[in-house]
Amino acid sequence: MTLGIEGTPGSGAHRTDDGRVAVPLRLSRSGEQATEAELLLSLVEAEHLHASLCRALDGHPVPRDAPDCREAVEAADALSAKVAEANRQSRRAL
């Protein structure tokens, strides 16, 4: 018997009424769908998962069909780096 877990097509992560984050999953057994379930995460657990995913994706090109989330984060990171450098130069000038 082989067990499998994958994302539920067409369903994205969402907030629950009690403030947790739910990640819809499809569970299968021996290649046949067994059931759908949700992985429930506290906000801290969701942030840890988010950080782990960012590290796993880092350094890889963004696929063409990916949502623009990574591009927006990369642009924000570049802007933050420029601001940090400007701050360092200002402190040196003092």
N, C-alpha and C. Protein backbone atom coordinates (compact mmCIF):
# COMPACT_ATOMS: atom_id res chain seq x y z
N MET A 1 0.85 -1.18 0.00
CA MET A 1 0.00 0.00 0.00
C MET A 1 0.90 1.24 0.00
N THR A 2 0.58 2.19 -0.86
CA THR A 2 1.31 3.44 -0.97
C THR A 2 0.38 4.58 -0.59
N LEU A 3 0.84 5.43 0.32
CA LEU A 3 0.07 6.60 0.72
C LEU A 3 0.63 7.83 0.04
N GLY A 4 -0.25 8.75 -0.36
CA GLY A 4 0.18 9.98 -1.00
C GLY A 4 -0.55 11.18 -0.44
N ILE A 5 0.13 12.31 -0.46
CA ILE A 5 -0.47 13.58 -0.03
C ILE A 5 -0.09 14.63 -1.06
N GLU A 6 -1.06 15.39 -1.51
CA GLU A 6 -0.81 16.49 -2.46
C GLU A 6 -1.80 17.60 -2.20
N GLY A 7 -1.50 18.76 -2.78
CA GLY A 7 -2.42 19.88 -2.64
C GLY A 7 -3.73 19.58 -3.35
N THR A 8 -4.81 20.16 -2.86
CA THR A 8 -6.11 19.99 -3.49
C THR A 8 -6.21 20.98 -4.65
N PRO A 9 -6.35 20.49 -5.89
CA PRO A 9 -6.43 21.41 -7.03
C PRO A 9 -7.57 22.41 -6.88
N GLY A 10 -7.28 23.66 -7.19
CA GLY A 10 -8.29 24.70 -7.15
C GLY A 10 -8.59 25.25 -5.77
N SER A 11 -7.92 24.74 -4.76
CA SER A 11 -8.16 25.22 -3.39
C SER A 11 -6.86 25.74 -2.81
N GLY A 12 -6.88 26.97 -2.35
CA GLY A 12 -5.68 27.55 -1.76
C GLY A 12 -5.78 27.63 -0.25
N ALA A 13 -4.68 27.92 0.36
CA ALA A 13 -4.66 28.11 1.81
C ALA A 13 -5.59 29.27 2.17
N HIS A 14 -6.20 29.18 3.34
CA HIS A 14 -7.12 30.23 3.78
C HIS A 14 -7.15 30.29 5.30
N ARG A 15 -7.68 31.38 5.82
CA ARG A 15 -7.83 31.56 7.27
C ARG A 15 -9.12 30.89 7.72
N THR A 16 -9.05 30.28 8.89
CA THR A 16 -10.25 29.69 9.49
C THR A 16 -10.92 30.73 10.39
N ASP A 17 -12.11 30.41 10.85
CA ASP A 17 -12.84 31.34 11.73
C ASP A 17 -12.10 31.60 13.03
N ASP A 18 -11.29 30.63 13.47
CA ASP A 18 -10.55 30.82 14.73
C ASP A 18 -9.15 31.39 14.51
N GLY A 19 -8.86 31.88 13.28
CA GLY A 19 -7.61 32.59 13.01
C GLY A 19 -6.45 31.73 12.57
N ARG A 20 -6.65 30.42 12.45
CA ARG A 20 -5.57 29.57 11.99
C ARG A 20 -5.51 29.59 10.46
N VAL A 21 -4.48 28.98 9.91
CA VAL A 21 -4.33 28.87 8.47
C VAL A 21 -4.61 27.42 8.09
N ALA A 22 -5.48 27.21 7.12
CA ALA A 22 -5.84 25.87 6.66
C ALA A 22 -5.26 25.66 5.26
N VAL A 23 -4.56 24.54 5.09
CA VAL A 23 -3.99 24.16 3.79
C VAL A 23 -4.72 22.91 3.32
N PRO A 24 -5.56 23.03 2.26
CA PRO A 24 -6.31 21.87 1.78
C PRO A 24 -5.38 20.83 1.15
N LEU A 25 -5.60 19.57 1.51
CA LEU A 25 -4.78 18.47 1.01
C LEU A 25 -5.67 17.34 0.50
N ARG A 26 -5.14 16.61 -0.47
CA ARG A 26 -5.82 15.41 -0.97
C ARG A 26 -4.96 14.21 -0.58
N LEU A 27 -5.57 13.27 0.11
CA LEU A 27 -4.88 12.07 0.55
C LEU A 27 -5.29 10.91 -0.35
N SER A 28 -4.31 10.09 -0.72
CA SER A 28 -4.61 8.94 -1.58
C SER A 28 -3.95 7.69 -1.02
N ARG A 29 -4.53 6.56 -1.40
CA ARG A 29 -3.99 5.27 -0.98
C ARG A 29 -3.88 4.41 -2.23
N SER A 30 -2.68 3.94 -2.51
CA SER A 30 -2.40 3.10 -3.68
C SER A 30 -2.91 3.75 -4.97
N GLY A 31 -2.71 5.09 -5.07
CA GLY A 31 -3.06 5.82 -6.28
C GLY A 31 -4.51 6.23 -6.40
N GLU A 32 -5.36 5.81 -5.46
CA GLU A 32 -6.77 6.19 -5.51
C GLU A 32 -7.08 7.17 -4.38
N GLN A 33 -7.86 8.21 -4.73
CA GLN A 33 -8.18 9.23 -3.73
C GLN A 33 -8.92 8.61 -2.56
N ALA A 34 -8.41 8.86 -1.37
CA ALA A 34 -9.05 8.36 -0.16
C ALA A 34 -9.96 9.42 0.44
N THR A 35 -9.41 10.66 0.60
CA THR A 35 -10.21 11.72 1.21
C THR A 35 -9.49 13.06 1.02
N GLU A 36 -10.19 14.12 1.33
CA GLU A 36 -9.59 15.45 1.38
C GLU A 36 -9.60 15.90 2.83
N ALA A 37 -8.57 16.62 3.20
CA ALA A 37 -8.44 17.10 4.58
C ALA A 37 -7.76 18.46 4.55
N GLU A 38 -7.67 19.10 5.69
CA GLU A 38 -6.96 20.37 5.80
C GLU A 38 -5.89 20.26 6.87
N LEU A 39 -4.71 20.73 6.53
CA LEU A 39 -3.63 20.87 7.51
C LEU A 39 -3.88 22.20 8.20
N LEU A 40 -4.14 22.18 9.51
CA LEU A 40 -4.40 23.40 10.27
C LEU A 40 -3.13 23.83 10.98
N LEU A 41 -2.77 25.09 10.77
CA LEU A 41 -1.55 25.65 11.33
C LEU A 41 -1.85 26.91 12.13
N SER A 42 -1.15 27.07 13.25
CA SER A 42 -1.23 28.35 13.95
C SER A 42 -0.52 29.38 13.07
N LEU A 43 -0.66 30.65 13.40
CA LEU A 43 0.03 31.67 12.60
C LEU A 43 1.54 31.51 12.68
N VAL A 44 2.05 31.12 13.85
CA VAL A 44 3.50 30.90 14.00
C VAL A 44 3.93 29.72 13.14
N GLU A 45 3.17 28.63 13.17
CA GLU A 45 3.50 27.47 12.35
C GLU A 45 3.45 27.81 10.86
N ALA A 46 2.46 28.62 10.47
CA ALA A 46 2.35 29.03 9.07
C ALA A 46 3.55 29.89 8.66
N GLU A 47 4.00 30.77 9.55
CA GLU A 47 5.18 31.60 9.25
C GLU A 47 6.43 30.73 9.11
N HIS A 48 6.56 29.70 9.95
CA HIS A 48 7.71 28.78 9.83
C HIS A 48 7.66 28.03 8.51
N LEU A 49 6.46 27.58 8.11
CA LEU A 49 6.31 26.90 6.83
C LEU A 49 6.64 27.85 5.69
N HIS A 50 6.16 29.07 5.78
CA HIS A 50 6.43 30.09 4.76
C HIS A 50 7.94 30.31 4.61
N ALA A 51 8.63 30.46 5.74
CA ALA A 51 10.09 30.66 5.70
C ALA A 51 10.80 29.46 5.10
N SER A 52 10.36 28.26 5.45
CA SER A 52 10.97 27.05 4.90
C SER A 52 10.76 26.96 3.40
N LEU A 53 9.57 27.31 2.95
CA LEU A 53 9.30 27.29 1.50
C LEU A 53 10.13 28.34 0.78
N CYS A 54 10.28 29.52 1.37
CA CYS A 54 11.11 30.56 0.76
C CYS A 54 12.55 30.09 0.61
N ARG A 55 13.07 29.44 1.65
CA ARG A 55 14.44 28.93 1.57
C ARG A 55 14.56 27.85 0.50
N ALA A 56 13.55 26.99 0.39
CA ALA A 56 13.59 25.92 -0.61
C ALA A 56 13.51 26.48 -2.03
N LEU A 57 12.80 27.59 -2.21
CA LEU A 57 12.64 28.19 -3.54
C LEU A 57 13.78 29.14 -3.90
N ASP A 58 14.52 29.60 -2.90
CA ASP A 58 15.57 30.59 -3.13
C ASP A 58 16.60 30.10 -4.14
N GLY A 59 16.95 30.97 -5.07
CA GLY A 59 17.97 30.65 -6.05
C GLY A 59 17.44 29.96 -7.29
N HIS A 60 16.16 29.64 -7.33
CA HIS A 60 15.58 28.99 -8.50
C HIS A 60 14.76 30.03 -9.28
N PRO A 61 14.78 29.95 -10.60
CA PRO A 61 13.99 30.92 -11.37
C PRO A 61 12.50 30.72 -11.13
N VAL A 62 11.76 31.80 -11.22
CA VAL A 62 10.31 31.76 -11.04
C VAL A 62 9.69 31.17 -12.31
N PRO A 63 8.91 30.09 -12.19
CA PRO A 63 8.25 29.52 -13.38
C PRO A 63 7.28 30.53 -14.00
N ARG A 64 7.10 30.45 -15.30
CA ARG A 64 6.23 31.41 -16.01
C ARG A 64 4.80 31.41 -15.48
N ASP A 65 4.29 30.25 -15.10
CA ASP A 65 2.89 30.17 -14.67
C ASP A 65 2.71 30.37 -13.16
N ALA A 66 3.78 30.77 -12.47
CA ALA A 66 3.69 31.01 -11.02
C ALA A 66 3.04 32.36 -10.75
N PRO A 67 2.33 32.49 -9.64
CA PRO A 67 1.79 33.81 -9.29
C PRO A 67 2.93 34.78 -9.00
N ASP A 68 2.66 36.06 -9.05
CA ASP A 68 3.72 37.07 -8.94
C ASP A 68 4.21 37.30 -7.52
N CYS A 69 3.83 36.50 -6.56
CA CYS A 69 4.22 36.69 -5.16
C CYS A 69 5.73 36.75 -5.02
N ARG A 70 6.46 35.80 -5.61
CA ARG A 70 7.91 35.77 -5.48
C ARG A 70 8.54 37.00 -6.12
N GLU A 71 8.01 37.43 -7.26
CA GLU A 71 8.56 38.62 -7.91
C GLU A 71 8.38 39.84 -7.04
N ALA A 72 7.23 39.96 -6.39
CA ALA A 72 6.98 41.10 -5.51
C ALA A 72 7.92 41.06 -4.31
N VAL A 73 8.16 39.87 -3.77
CA VAL A 73 9.06 39.75 -2.63
C VAL A 73 10.48 40.10 -3.06
N GLU A 74 10.90 39.64 -4.23
CA GLU A 74 12.24 39.95 -4.72
C GLU A 74 12.41 41.46 -4.92
N ALA A 75 11.38 42.13 -5.44
CA ALA A 75 11.44 43.58 -5.63
C ALA A 75 11.52 44.29 -4.28
N ALA A 76 10.74 43.82 -3.31
CA ALA A 76 10.77 44.43 -1.98
C ALA A 76 12.14 44.21 -1.33
N ASP A 77 12.71 43.03 -1.50
CA ASP A 77 14.04 42.75 -0.95
C ASP A 77 15.08 43.67 -1.56
N ALA A 78 15.00 43.89 -2.87
CA ALA A 78 15.96 44.76 -3.55
C ALA A 78 15.82 46.19 -3.03
N LEU A 79 14.58 46.65 -2.84
CA LEU A 79 14.36 48.00 -2.31
C LEU A 79 14.88 48.10 -0.88
N SER A 80 14.63 47.08 -0.06
CA SER A 80 15.12 47.08 1.32
C SER A 80 16.64 47.15 1.36
N ALA A 81 17.29 46.44 0.45
CA ALA A 81 18.75 46.46 0.39
C ALA A 81 19.25 47.86 0.04
N LYS A 82 18.57 48.53 -0.88
CA LYS A 82 18.97 49.90 -1.27
C LYS A 82 18.78 50.86 -0.09
N VAL A 83 17.68 50.72 0.63
CA VAL A 83 17.42 51.59 1.78
C VAL A 83 18.48 51.34 2.86
N ALA A 84 18.79 50.06 3.11
CA ALA A 84 19.80 49.74 4.13
C ALA A 84 21.15 50.33 3.75
N GLU A 85 21.52 50.26 2.48
CA GLU A 85 22.80 50.82 2.03
C GLU A 85 22.79 52.35 2.18
N ALA A 86 21.69 53.00 1.83
CA ALA A 86 21.59 54.45 1.98
C ALA A 86 21.72 54.84 3.46
N ASN A 87 21.11 54.06 4.34
CA ASN A 87 21.23 54.33 5.78
C ASN A 87 22.68 54.19 6.25
N ARG A 88 23.37 53.15 5.78
CA ARG A 88 24.78 52.96 6.16
C ARG A 88 25.63 54.14 5.70
N GLN A 89 25.39 54.60 4.47
CA GLN A 89 26.16 55.74 3.95
C GLN A 89 25.87 57.01 4.73
N SER A 90 24.61 57.20 5.13
CA SER A 90 24.25 58.38 5.92
C SER A 90 24.94 58.35 7.27
N ARG A 91 25.00 57.17 7.91
CA ARG A 91 25.66 57.08 9.20
C ARG A 91 27.15 57.36 9.08
N ARG A 92 27.78 56.90 8.01
CA ARG A 92 29.20 57.15 7.80
C ARG A 92 29.47 58.64 7.61
N ALA A 93 28.55 59.33 6.96
CA ALA A 93 28.73 60.75 6.69
C ALA A 93 28.64 61.59 7.97
N LEU A 94 27.96 61.06 8.99
CA LEU A 94 27.84 61.79 10.25
C LEU A 94 29.15 61.74 10.94
